[in-house]
Amino acid sequence: MHDLKPIGILYGPVIISRRGGALRPNSVVNFFVSLYRELGLVGCSSHSGRRSFITQAARNLHRAGCSLRDVQVLAGHRSIETTQRYIDGDTDAQRKLVALL
């Protein structure tokens, strides 16, 4: 039986190695490097994917009735300030928001 620890709302490793254990952080990074290279994606990294996920989750949280705290939990951040640093701004969306006011 696995010794499962809570990770946000998930339990246990998100990515499992071929041997059945948790994939080490460097192995995850290397996996994404090779995957993005194979797909011909330039400038992408495991971290850019994480940033994109957090930004998209923050932009769509209202659709699911969520809060930024929920995004923080999914990201596994201890601090909401850390989560906020991951969220990219969108000038066009800011203009649309101001126009609505």
Protein backbone atom coordinates (compact mmCIF):
# COMPACT_ATOMS: atom_id res chain seq x y z
CA MET A 1 0.00 0.00 0.00
CA HIS A 2 1.22 3.50 -0.86
CA ASP A 3 1.91 6.07 1.81
CA LEU A 4 -0.35 8.74 0.26
CA LYS A 5 -0.01 12.33 1.35
CA PRO A 6 -2.53 15.00 0.37
CA ILE A 7 -1.39 17.28 -2.45
CA GLY A 8 -4.00 20.01 -2.68
CA ILE A 9 -7.19 18.05 -3.33
CA LEU A 10 -5.26 15.10 -4.80
CA TYR A 11 -3.64 12.18 -3.02
CA GLY A 12 -0.38 10.58 -4.03
CA PRO A 13 1.86 11.26 -7.00
CA VAL A 14 0.36 12.94 -10.04
CA ILE A 15 2.79 11.26 -12.41
CA ILE A 16 3.88 7.69 -11.73
CA SER A 17 7.10 6.20 -13.07
CA ARG A 18 7.27 2.94 -14.99
CA ARG A 19 8.40 1.33 -11.75
CA GLY A 20 5.23 2.48 -9.97
CA GLY A 21 6.68 5.19 -7.74
CA ALA A 22 6.43 8.95 -7.88
CA LEU A 23 8.38 10.56 -10.70
CA ARG A 24 11.15 12.79 -9.38
CA PRO A 25 10.90 16.52 -10.18
CA ASN A 26 13.93 16.46 -12.52
CA SER A 27 12.46 13.51 -14.38
CA VAL A 28 9.22 15.45 -14.93
CA VAL A 29 11.21 18.42 -16.27
CA ASN A 30 13.19 16.12 -18.60
CA PHE A 31 9.98 14.46 -19.78
CA PHE A 32 8.49 17.81 -20.80
CA VAL A 33 11.73 18.96 -22.45
CA SER A 34 11.79 15.87 -24.66
CA LEU A 35 8.03 16.01 -25.33
CA TYR A 36 8.11 19.69 -26.37
CA ARG A 37 11.19 19.09 -28.53
CA GLU A 38 9.47 16.15 -30.25
CA LEU A 39 6.39 18.32 -30.89
CA GLY A 40 8.54 21.16 -32.24
CA LEU A 41 7.42 23.60 -29.54
CA VAL A 42 10.09 26.24 -28.99
CA GLY A 43 10.37 28.15 -25.72
CA CYS A 44 8.12 25.77 -23.79
CA SER A 45 8.99 24.15 -20.50
CA SER A 46 7.32 22.29 -17.69
CA HIS A 47 7.15 25.61 -15.88
CA SER A 48 5.53 27.46 -18.79
CA GLY A 49 2.83 24.79 -18.86
CA ARG A 50 2.28 25.30 -15.14
CA ARG A 51 2.06 29.07 -15.63
CA SER A 52 -0.45 28.60 -18.48
CA PHE A 53 -2.60 26.25 -16.38
CA ILE A 54 -2.70 28.66 -13.43
CA THR A 55 -3.44 31.66 -15.66
CA GLN A 56 -6.28 29.85 -17.48
CA ALA A 57 -7.68 28.50 -14.21
CA ALA A 58 -7.70 32.00 -12.71
CA ARG A 59 -9.43 33.44 -15.79
CA ASN A 60 -12.13 30.76 -15.73
CA LEU A 61 -12.67 30.23 -12.02
CA HIS A 62 -15.95 32.18 -12.08
CA ARG A 63 -17.42 29.61 -14.49
CA ALA A 64 -17.00 26.85 -11.92
CA GLY A 65 -17.94 28.95 -8.91
CA CYS A 66 -14.37 28.81 -7.65
CA SER A 67 -12.12 31.37 -6.03
CA LEU A 68 -8.45 32.19 -6.42
CA ARG A 69 -7.93 30.14 -3.25
CA ASP A 70 -9.08 27.05 -5.19
CA VAL A 71 -6.47 27.79 -7.88
CA GLN A 72 -3.88 28.17 -5.10
CA VAL A 73 -4.77 24.73 -3.73
CA LEU A 74 -4.60 23.12 -7.19
CA ALA A 75 -1.20 24.72 -7.77
CA GLY A 76 0.05 23.44 -4.43
CA HIS A 77 1.15 26.89 -3.28
CA ARG A 78 1.30 27.78 0.41
CA SER A 79 0.78 31.46 -0.31
CA ILE A 80 -1.82 33.19 -2.48
CA GLU A 81 0.90 35.71 -3.37
CA THR A 82 2.88 32.92 -5.06
CA THR A 83 -0.17 31.94 -7.11
CA GLN A 84 -0.77 35.55 -8.12
CA ARG A 85 2.79 35.83 -9.49
CA TYR A 86 2.00 32.99 -11.92
CA ILE A 87 -1.04 34.72 -13.42
CA ASP A 88 -0.27 36.61 -16.62
CA GLY A 89 -2.14 39.83 -17.32
CA ASP A 90 -4.14 40.40 -20.50
CA THR A 91 -4.32 43.98 -21.77
CA ASP A 92 -7.30 43.30 -24.06
CA ALA A 93 -9.26 41.71 -21.22
CA GLN A 94 -8.41 44.67 -18.98
CA ARG A 95 -9.77 47.06 -21.58
CA LYS A 96 -12.99 45.04 -21.90
CA LEU A 97 -13.40 45.00 -18.13
CA VAL A 98 -13.00 48.78 -17.86
CA ALA A 99 -15.48 49.24 -20.73
CA LEU A 100 -18.05 47.25 -18.76
CA LEU A 101 -17.81 49.60 -15.77
